[in-house]
Amino acid sequence: MLDLKGYGPELLDGAVVTIELAFLSLILALTLGLIGASSKLSGNRLAKAIATFYTTVVRGIPDLVMMLLFYYGGQVMVNMLSDFLWDAYEIDFFFQFDPFISGVVTIGLIFGAYMTETFRGAFLAVETGQIEAARAYGFTRWHTFRRIMFPQMLRHALPGIGNNWQVLLKTTALVSIIGLTDMVRVAEEAAKAERMPFHFFIPVAAVYLILTAGSELFIKWLNKRANVGVVQGG
């Protein structure tokens, strides 16, 4: 990355933070998505109700509002709990919300809701006859999931996962609002100091474009690999 009036190294460090934030959020979102989809498709009414509440609430609240609620609202709740424990039991308990961890958790929670619907649709796309055949052959529920359901579900889910990943990657820009020194925050501070917004925000936009374009090519490659031997178009 160019020197950019001395801000180049900071922007590079910010880009690394952005990438780390995106991948950790993706891991959390995929995990929550699998749990949420399994809960929605299970026969357990409580699990289904919790998963439905989770997806309905999270998808209905703007991402920025969710991030501010979690970071600032969460810290207020921790402070209130800390005061209560000290006043009632003289227990000294306190911790400060970290912007990076807060960003990972918030973005992971947001996209976990979208991944839940992606995985739910993908599970429903797997033919029930194959699952019944696996059980008839004596497969356990775990082996049926691992050998029959998961590989086929993944093939159906990959396009949706790819779309969610692209949006998640751009959503990482929101963490600058809670004080995390990612490349957007560095560019914002540099632009204010130097009064040259295009000079700093265009490189940031270029980095996001490179990441999303590279991701799209990788996702297309994954789709081809997952659909090897599968007849397309009916």
C-alpha atoms as a PDB file:
ATOM      1  CA  MET A   1       0.000   0.000   0.000  1.00  0.00           C
ATOM      2  CA  LEU A   2       1.268   3.478  -0.851  1.00  0.00           C
ATOM      3  CA  ASP A   3       2.585   5.729   1.900  1.00  0.00           C
ATOM      4  CA  LEU A   4      -0.517   7.956   1.716  1.00  0.00           C
ATOM      5  CA  LYS A   5       1.068  10.836   3.626  1.00  0.00           C
ATOM      6  CA  GLY A   6       2.356   8.507   6.318  1.00  0.00           C
ATOM      7  CA  TYR A   7      -0.968   6.739   6.919  1.00  0.00           C
ATOM      8  CA  GLY A   8      -0.217   3.796   4.623  1.00  0.00           C
ATOM      9  CA  PRO A   9       1.078   1.400   7.344  1.00  0.00           C
ATOM     10  CA  GLU A  10      -1.888   2.237   9.596  1.00  0.00           C
ATOM     11  CA  LEU A  11      -4.325   1.581   6.757  1.00  0.00           C
ATOM     12  CA  LEU A  12      -2.610  -1.749   6.102  1.00  0.00           C
ATOM     13  CA  ASP A  13      -2.913  -2.697   9.779  1.00  0.00           C
ATOM     14  CA  GLY A  14      -6.565  -1.630   9.642  1.00  0.00           C
ATOM     15  CA  ALA A  15      -7.130  -3.862   6.608  1.00  0.00           C
ATOM     16  CA  VAL A  16      -5.726  -6.833   8.547  1.00  0.00           C
ATOM     17  CA  VAL A  17      -8.122  -6.047  11.424  1.00  0.00           C
ATOM     18  CA  THR A  18     -11.018  -5.915   8.939  1.00  0.00           C
ATOM     19  CA  ILE A  19     -10.129  -9.323   7.479  1.00  0.00           C
ATOM     20  CA  GLU A  20      -9.722 -10.910  10.922  1.00  0.00           C
ATOM     21  CA  LEU A  21     -13.039  -9.428  12.029  1.00  0.00           C
ATOM     22  CA  ALA A  22     -14.806 -10.715   8.902  1.00  0.00           C
ATOM     23  CA  PHE A  23     -13.540 -14.291   9.153  1.00  0.00           C
ATOM     24  CA  LEU A  24     -14.204 -14.646  12.888  1.00  0.00           C
ATOM     25  CA  SER A  25     -17.705 -13.204  12.397  1.00  0.00           C
ATOM     26  CA  LEU A  26     -18.291 -15.677   9.556  1.00  0.00           C
ATOM     27  CA  ILE A  27     -17.313 -18.632  11.751  1.00  0.00           C
ATOM     28  CA  LEU A  28     -19.732 -17.471  14.464  1.00  0.00           C
ATOM     29  CA  ALA A  29     -22.497 -16.812  11.910  1.00  0.00           C
ATOM     30  CA  LEU A  30     -22.111 -20.279  10.329  1.00  0.00           C
ATOM     31  CA  THR A  31     -22.215 -21.921  13.758  1.00  0.00           C
ATOM     32  CA  LEU A  32     -25.318 -19.990  14.822  1.00  0.00           C
ATOM     33  CA  GLY A  33     -26.896 -20.648  11.418  1.00  0.00           C
ATOM     34  CA  LEU A  34     -26.517 -24.418  11.741  1.00  0.00           C
ATOM     35  CA  ILE A  35     -27.844 -24.362  15.304  1.00  0.00           C
ATOM     36  CA  GLY A  36     -30.738 -22.091  14.344  1.00  0.00           C
ATOM     37  CA  ALA A  37     -31.698 -24.137  11.284  1.00  0.00           C
ATOM     38  CA  SER A  38     -31.544 -27.387  13.253  1.00  0.00           C
ATOM     39  CA  SER A  39     -33.724 -25.836  15.962  1.00  0.00           C
ATOM     40  CA  LYS A  40     -36.308 -24.584  13.450  1.00  0.00           C
ATOM     41  CA  LEU A  41     -36.534 -28.001  11.816  1.00  0.00           C
ATOM     42  CA  SER A  42     -36.593 -29.934  15.078  1.00  0.00           C
ATOM     43  CA  GLY A  43     -39.694 -31.246  16.768  1.00  0.00           C
ATOM     44  CA  ASN A  44     -38.854 -29.330  19.943  1.00  0.00           C
ATOM     45  CA  ARG A  45     -41.340 -26.467  20.258  1.00  0.00           C
ATOM     46  CA  LEU A  46     -39.181 -24.465  22.656  1.00  0.00           C
ATOM     47  CA  ALA A  47     -36.093 -24.680  20.414  1.00  0.00           C
ATOM     48  CA  LYS A  48     -38.175 -23.762  17.376  1.00  0.00           C
ATOM     49  CA  ALA A  49     -39.740 -20.791  19.186  1.00  0.00           C
ATOM     50  CA  ILE A  50     -36.342 -19.486  20.374  1.00  0.00           C
ATOM     51  CA  ALA A  51     -34.853 -19.790  16.878  1.00  0.00           C
ATOM     52  CA  THR A  52     -37.863 -18.075  15.306  1.00  0.00           C
ATOM     53  CA  PHE A  53     -37.693 -15.245  17.857  1.00  0.00           C
ATOM     54  CA  TYR A  54     -33.964 -14.852  17.203  1.00  0.00           C
ATOM     55  CA  THR A  55     -34.261 -14.621  13.415  1.00  0.00           C
ATOM     56  CA  THR A  56     -37.329 -12.358  13.555  1.00  0.00           C
ATOM     57  CA  VAL A  57     -35.813  -9.855  15.977  1.00  0.00           C
ATOM     58  CA  VAL A  58     -32.306  -9.741  14.523  1.00  0.00           C
ATOM     59  CA  ARG A  59     -33.428  -9.422  10.902  1.00  0.00           C
ATOM     60  CA  GLY A  60     -35.877  -6.691  11.857  1.00  0.00           C
ATOM     61  CA  ILE A  61     -33.361  -4.371  13.555  1.00  0.00           C
ATOM     62  CA  PRO A  62     -30.843  -2.321  11.511  1.00  0.00           C
ATOM     63  CA  ASP A  63     -27.259  -3.555  11.774  1.00  0.00           C
ATOM     64  CA  LEU A  64     -25.949  -0.224  13.094  1.00  0.00           C
ATOM     65  CA  VAL A  65     -28.596  -0.127  15.833  1.00  0.00           C
ATOM     66  CA  MET A  66     -27.709  -3.708  16.835  1.00  0.00           C
ATOM     67  CA  MET A  67     -24.036  -2.811  17.108  1.00  0.00           C
ATOM     68  CA  LEU A  68     -24.695   0.290  19.205  1.00  0.00           C
ATOM     69  CA  LEU A  69     -27.131  -1.604  21.434  1.00  0.00           C
ATOM     70  CA  PHE A  70     -24.674  -4.423  22.064  1.00  0.00           C
ATOM     71  CA  TYR A  71     -21.593  -2.263  22.637  1.00  0.00           C
ATOM     72  CA  TYR A  72     -23.000   0.675  24.584  1.00  0.00           C
ATOM     73  CA  GLY A  73     -26.135  -0.950  25.981  1.00  0.00           C
ATOM     74  CA  GLY A  74     -24.203  -4.057  26.975  1.00  0.00           C
ATOM     75  CA  GLN A  75     -21.629  -1.970  28.821  1.00  0.00           C
ATOM     76  CA  VAL A  76     -24.373  -0.130  30.705  1.00  0.00           C
ATOM     77  CA  MET A  77     -25.913  -3.452  31.772  1.00  0.00           C
ATOM     78  CA  VAL A  78     -22.525  -4.749  32.940  1.00  0.00           C
ATOM     79  CA  ASN A  79     -21.991  -1.552  34.936  1.00  0.00           C
ATOM     80  CA  MET A  80     -25.419  -1.942  36.567  1.00  0.00           C
ATOM     81  CA  LEU A  81     -24.685  -5.574  37.424  1.00  0.00           C
ATOM     82  CA  SER A  82     -21.311  -4.591  38.830  1.00  0.00           C
ATOM     83  CA  ASP A  83     -22.885  -1.914  41.066  1.00  0.00           C
ATOM     84  CA  PHE A  84     -25.558  -4.339  42.269  1.00  0.00           C
ATOM     85  CA  LEU A  85     -23.061  -7.084  43.157  1.00  0.00           C
ATOM     86  CA  TRP A  86     -20.892  -4.612  45.053  1.00  0.00           C
ATOM     87  CA  ASP A  87     -23.773  -3.019  46.954  1.00  0.00           C
ATOM     88  CA  ALA A  88     -25.484  -6.319  47.798  1.00  0.00           C
ATOM     89  CA  TYR A  89     -22.586  -8.740  48.274  1.00  0.00           C
ATOM     90  CA  GLU A  90     -19.408  -6.596  48.069  1.00  0.00           C
ATOM     91  CA  ILE A  91     -18.312  -8.624  45.046  1.00  0.00           C
ATOM     92  CA  ASP A  92     -15.901  -6.681  42.857  1.00  0.00           C
ATOM     93  CA  PHE A  93     -16.894  -7.582  39.303  1.00  0.00           C
ATOM     94  CA  PHE A  94     -16.299  -5.496  36.187  1.00  0.00           C
ATOM     95  CA  PHE A  95     -15.105  -5.791  32.614  1.00  0.00           C
ATOM     96  CA  GLN A  96     -14.820  -3.392  29.719  1.00  0.00           C
ATOM     97  CA  PHE A  97     -16.369  -4.302  26.378  1.00  0.00           C
ATOM     98  CA  ASP A  98     -13.666  -4.712  23.728  1.00  0.00           C
ATOM     99  CA  PRO A  99     -14.563  -3.141  20.345  1.00  0.00           C
ATOM    100  CA  PHE A 100     -13.095  -6.043  18.348  1.00  0.00           C
ATOM    101  CA  ILE A 101     -14.885  -8.766  20.311  1.00  0.00           C
ATOM    102  CA  SER A 102     -18.082  -6.704  20.318  1.00  0.00           C
ATOM    103  CA  GLY A 103     -17.831  -6.330  16.554  1.00  0.00           C
ATOM    104  CA  VAL A 104     -17.316 -10.063  16.025  1.00  0.00           C
ATOM    105  CA  VAL A 105     -20.204 -11.002  18.310  1.00  0.00           C
ATOM    106  CA  THR A 106     -22.608  -8.418  16.869  1.00  0.00           C
ATOM    107  CA  ILE A 107     -21.863  -9.181  13.216  1.00  0.00           C
ATOM    108  CA  GLY A 108     -21.882 -12.911  13.970  1.00  0.00           C
ATOM    109  CA  LEU A 109     -25.299 -12.613  15.641  1.00  0.00           C
ATOM    110  CA  ILE A 110     -26.702 -10.560  12.761  1.00  0.00           C
ATOM    111  CA  PHE A 111     -25.583 -12.877  10.010  1.00  0.00           C
ATOM    112  CA  GLY A 112     -26.265 -15.973  12.072  1.00  0.00           C
ATOM    113  CA  ALA A 113     -29.950 -15.103  11.619  1.00  0.00           C
ATOM    114  CA  TYR A 114     -29.564 -14.921   7.839  1.00  0.00           C
ATOM    115  CA  MET A 115     -27.472 -18.097   7.772  1.00  0.00           C
ATOM    116  CA  THR A 116     -30.227 -19.822   9.746  1.00  0.00           C
ATOM    117  CA  GLU A 117     -32.705 -19.235   6.922  1.00  0.00           C
ATOM    118  CA  THR A 118     -30.091 -20.176   4.309  1.00  0.00           C
ATOM    119  CA  PHE A 119     -29.369 -23.494   6.021  1.00  0.00           C
ATOM    120  CA  ARG A 120     -33.038 -24.178   6.732  1.00  0.00           C
ATOM    121  CA  GLY A 121     -33.911 -23.856   3.055  1.00  0.00           C
ATOM    122  CA  ALA A 122     -30.918 -25.984   2.085  1.00  0.00           C
ATOM    123  CA  PHE A 123     -31.882 -28.768   4.528  1.00  0.00           C
ATOM    124  CA  LEU A 124     -35.431 -28.765   3.178  1.00  0.00           C
ATOM    125  CA  ALA A 125     -34.064 -29.117  -0.370  1.00  0.00           C
ATOM    126  CA  VAL A 126     -32.485 -32.496   0.468  1.00  0.00           C
ATOM    127  CA  GLU A 127     -34.745 -35.312  -0.749  1.00  0.00           C
ATOM    128  CA  THR A 128     -36.416 -37.089   2.147  1.00  0.00           C
ATOM    129  CA  GLY A 129     -36.235 -40.383   0.254  1.00  0.00           C
ATOM    130  CA  GLN A 130     -32.469 -40.449   0.630  1.00  0.00           C
ATOM    131  CA  ILE A 131     -32.733 -39.889   4.368  1.00  0.00           C
ATOM    132  CA  GLU A 132     -35.295 -42.686   4.670  1.00  0.00           C
ATOM    133  CA  ALA A 133     -33.045 -44.974   2.614  1.00  0.00           C
ATOM    134  CA  ALA A 134     -30.096 -44.234   4.903  1.00  0.00           C
ATOM    135  CA  ARG A 135     -32.161 -45.131   7.948  1.00  0.00           C
ATOM    136  CA  ALA A 136     -33.339 -48.300   6.246  1.00  0.00           C
ATOM    137  CA  TYR A 137     -29.703 -49.299   5.751  1.00  0.00           C
ATOM    138  CA  GLY A 138     -29.097 -48.853   9.471  1.00  0.00           C
ATOM    139  CA  PHE A 139     -27.322 -45.478   9.415  1.00  0.00           C
ATOM    140  CA  THR A 140     -27.324 -43.680  12.740  1.00  0.00           C
ATOM    141  CA  ARG A 141     -28.700 -40.128  12.867  1.00  0.00           C
ATOM    142  CA  TRP A 142     -25.149 -38.760  13.010  1.00  0.00           C
ATOM    143  CA  HIS A 143     -23.992 -40.817  10.010  1.00  0.00           C
ATOM    144  CA  THR A 144     -27.113 -39.818   8.076  1.00  0.00           C
ATOM    145  CA  PHE A 145     -26.361 -36.185   8.772  1.00  0.00           C
ATOM    146  CA  ARG A 146     -22.643 -36.429   7.981  1.00  0.00           C
ATOM    147  CA  ARG A 147     -22.817 -38.654   4.893  1.00  0.00           C
ATOM    148  CA  ILE A 148     -26.184 -37.766   3.341  1.00  0.00           C
ATOM    149  CA  MET A 149     -27.693 -34.522   4.602  1.00  0.00           C
ATOM    150  CA  PHE A 150     -24.700 -32.241   5.171  1.00  0.00           C
ATOM    151  CA  PRO A 151     -22.921 -32.682   1.790  1.00  0.00           C
ATOM    152  CA  GLN A 152     -26.149 -32.137  -0.164  1.00  0.00           C
ATOM    153  CA  MET A 153     -27.329 -29.330   2.093  1.00  0.00           C
ATOM    154  CA  LEU A 154     -23.997 -27.576   1.591  1.00  0.00           C
ATOM    155  CA  ARG A 155     -24.391 -27.713  -2.178  1.00  0.00           C
ATOM    156  CA  HIS A 156     -27.777 -25.992  -1.917  1.00  0.00           C
ATOM    157  CA  ALA A 157     -26.551 -23.523   0.716  1.00  0.00           C
ATOM    158  CA  LEU A 158     -23.354 -22.315  -0.982  1.00  0.00           C
ATOM    159  CA  PRO A 159     -24.970 -19.557  -3.104  1.00  0.00           C
ATOM    160  CA  GLY A 160     -26.731 -18.140  -0.039  1.00  0.00           C
ATOM    161  CA  ILE A 161     -23.593 -18.420   2.093  1.00  0.00           C
ATOM    162  CA  GLY A 162     -21.671 -16.578  -0.600  1.00  0.00           C
ATOM    163  CA  ASN A 163     -24.207 -13.743  -0.723  1.00  0.00           C
ATOM    164  CA  ASN A 164     -24.244 -13.447   3.070  1.00  0.00           C
ATOM    165  CA  TRP A 165     -20.441 -13.408   3.167  1.00  0.00           C
ATOM    166  CA  GLN A 166     -20.271 -10.568   0.657  1.00  0.00           C
ATOM    167  CA  VAL A 167     -22.682  -8.459   2.706  1.00  0.00           C
ATOM    168  CA  LEU A 168     -20.946  -9.428   5.974  1.00  0.00           C
ATOM    169  CA  LEU A 169     -17.605  -8.299   4.570  1.00  0.00           C
ATOM    170  CA  LYS A 170     -18.978  -4.830   3.814  1.00  0.00           C
ATOM    171  CA  THR A 171     -20.809  -4.679   7.155  1.00  0.00           C
ATOM    172  CA  THR A 172     -17.448  -4.777   8.966  1.00  0.00           C
ATOM    173  CA  ALA A 173     -17.130  -1.083   8.072  1.00  0.00           C
ATOM    174  CA  LEU A 174     -19.692  -0.361  10.807  1.00  0.00           C
ATOM    175  CA  VAL A 175     -17.267  -1.269  13.604  1.00  0.00           C
ATOM    176  CA  SER A 176     -15.508   2.068  13.167  1.00  0.00           C
ATOM    177  CA  ILE A 177     -18.510   3.653  14.907  1.00  0.00           C
ATOM    178  CA  ILE A 178     -17.646   1.841  18.186  1.00  0.00           C
ATOM    179  CA  GLY A 179     -13.981   2.843  18.130  1.00  0.00           C
ATOM    180  CA  LEU A 180     -12.280  -0.156  16.515  1.00  0.00           C
ATOM    181  CA  THR A 181      -9.233   0.928  14.529  1.00  0.00           C
ATOM    182  CA  ASP A 182     -10.077  -0.745  11.244  1.00  0.00           C
ATOM    183  CA  MET A 183      -9.146   0.736   7.875  1.00  0.00           C
ATOM    184  CA  VAL A 184     -12.371   2.769   7.687  1.00  0.00           C
ATOM    185  CA  ARG A 185     -11.628   4.512  10.993  1.00  0.00           C
ATOM    186  CA  VAL A 186      -8.012   5.137  10.007  1.00  0.00           C
ATOM    187  CA  ALA A 187      -9.156   6.590   6.671  1.00  0.00           C
ATOM    188  CA  GLU A 188     -11.746   8.761   8.424  1.00  0.00           C
ATOM    189  CA  GLU A 189      -9.208  10.184  10.864  1.00  0.00           C
ATOM    190  CA  ALA A 190      -6.650  10.720   8.105  1.00  0.00           C
ATOM    191  CA  ALA A 191      -9.214  12.409   5.855  1.00  0.00           C
ATOM    192  CA  LYS A 192     -10.179  14.806   8.644  1.00  0.00           C
ATOM    193  CA  ALA A 193      -6.559  15.603   9.494  1.00  0.00           C
ATOM    194  CA  GLU A 194      -5.422  16.118   5.912  1.00  0.00           C
ATOM    195  CA  ARG A 195      -8.747  17.318   4.479  1.00  0.00           C
ATOM    196  CA  MET A 196      -8.340  14.893   1.589  1.00  0.00           C
ATOM    197  CA  PRO A 197     -11.258  12.411   1.735  1.00  0.00           C
ATOM    198  CA  PHE A 198     -10.790  10.929  -1.749  1.00  0.00           C
ATOM    199  CA  HIS A 199      -7.085  10.394  -1.095  1.00  0.00           C
ATOM    200  CA  PHE A 200      -7.861   7.953   1.740  1.00  0.00           C
ATOM    201  CA  PHE A 201     -11.330   6.544   1.097  1.00  0.00           C
ATOM    202  CA  ILE A 202     -10.636   5.474  -2.496  1.00  0.00           C
ATOM    203  CA  PRO A 203      -7.863   3.047  -1.370  1.00  0.00           C
ATOM    204  CA  VAL A 204     -10.234   1.675   1.292  1.00  0.00           C
ATOM    205  CA  ALA A 205     -12.960   1.195  -1.314  1.00  0.00           C
ATOM    206  CA  ALA A 206     -10.383  -0.542  -3.548  1.00  0.00           C
ATOM    207  CA  VAL A 207      -9.443  -2.969  -0.750  1.00  0.00           C
ATOM    208  CA  TYR A 208     -13.099  -3.872  -0.170  1.00  0.00           C
ATOM    209  CA  LEU A 209     -13.576  -4.321  -3.922  1.00  0.00           C
ATOM    210  CA  ILE A 210     -10.557  -6.631  -4.139  1.00  0.00           C
ATOM    211  CA  LEU A 211     -11.796  -8.685  -1.175  1.00  0.00           C
ATOM    212  CA  THR A 212     -15.341  -9.028  -2.529  1.00  0.00           C
ATOM    213  CA  ALA A 213     -14.180  -9.773  -6.092  1.00  0.00           C
ATOM    214  CA  GLY A 214     -11.742 -12.405  -4.825  1.00  0.00           C
ATOM    215  CA  SER A 215     -14.459 -13.892  -2.631  1.00  0.00           C
ATOM    216  CA  GLU A 216     -16.835 -14.106  -5.582  1.00  0.00           C
ATOM    217  CA  LEU A 217     -14.289 -16.032  -7.660  1.00  0.00           C
ATOM    218  CA  PHE A 218     -13.612 -18.399  -4.748  1.00  0.00           C
ATOM    219  CA  ILE A 219     -17.326 -18.984  -4.178  1.00  0.00           C
ATOM    220  CA  LYS A 220     -17.835 -19.774  -7.873  1.00  0.00           C
ATOM    221  CA  TRP A 221     -14.991 -22.300  -7.661  1.00  0.00           C
ATOM    222  CA  LEU A 222     -16.575 -23.876  -4.562  1.00  0.00           C
ATOM    223  CA  ASN A 223     -19.937 -24.103  -6.351  1.00  0.00           C
ATOM    224  CA  LYS A 224     -18.333 -25.914  -9.281  1.00  0.00           C
ATOM    225  CA  ARG A 225     -16.566 -28.327  -6.940  1.00  0.00           C
ATOM    226  CA  ALA A 226     -19.748 -28.990  -4.970  1.00  0.00           C
ATOM    227  CA  ASN A 227     -21.767 -29.647  -8.134  1.00  0.00           C
ATOM    228  CA  VAL A 228     -19.334 -32.042  -9.810  1.00  0.00           C
ATOM    229  CA  GLY A 229     -21.352 -34.971 -11.162  1.00  0.00           C
ATOM    230  CA  VAL A 230     -24.674 -33.217 -10.570  1.00  0.00           C
ATOM    231  CA  VAL A 231     -26.933 -32.683 -13.577  1.00  0.00           C
ATOM    232  CA  GLN A 232     -27.942 -29.020 -13.743  1.00  0.00           C
ATOM    233  CA  GLY A 233     -31.268 -27.627 -14.916  1.00  0.00           C
ATOM    234  CA  GLY A 234     -33.656 -30.474 -14.282  1.00  0.00           C
END
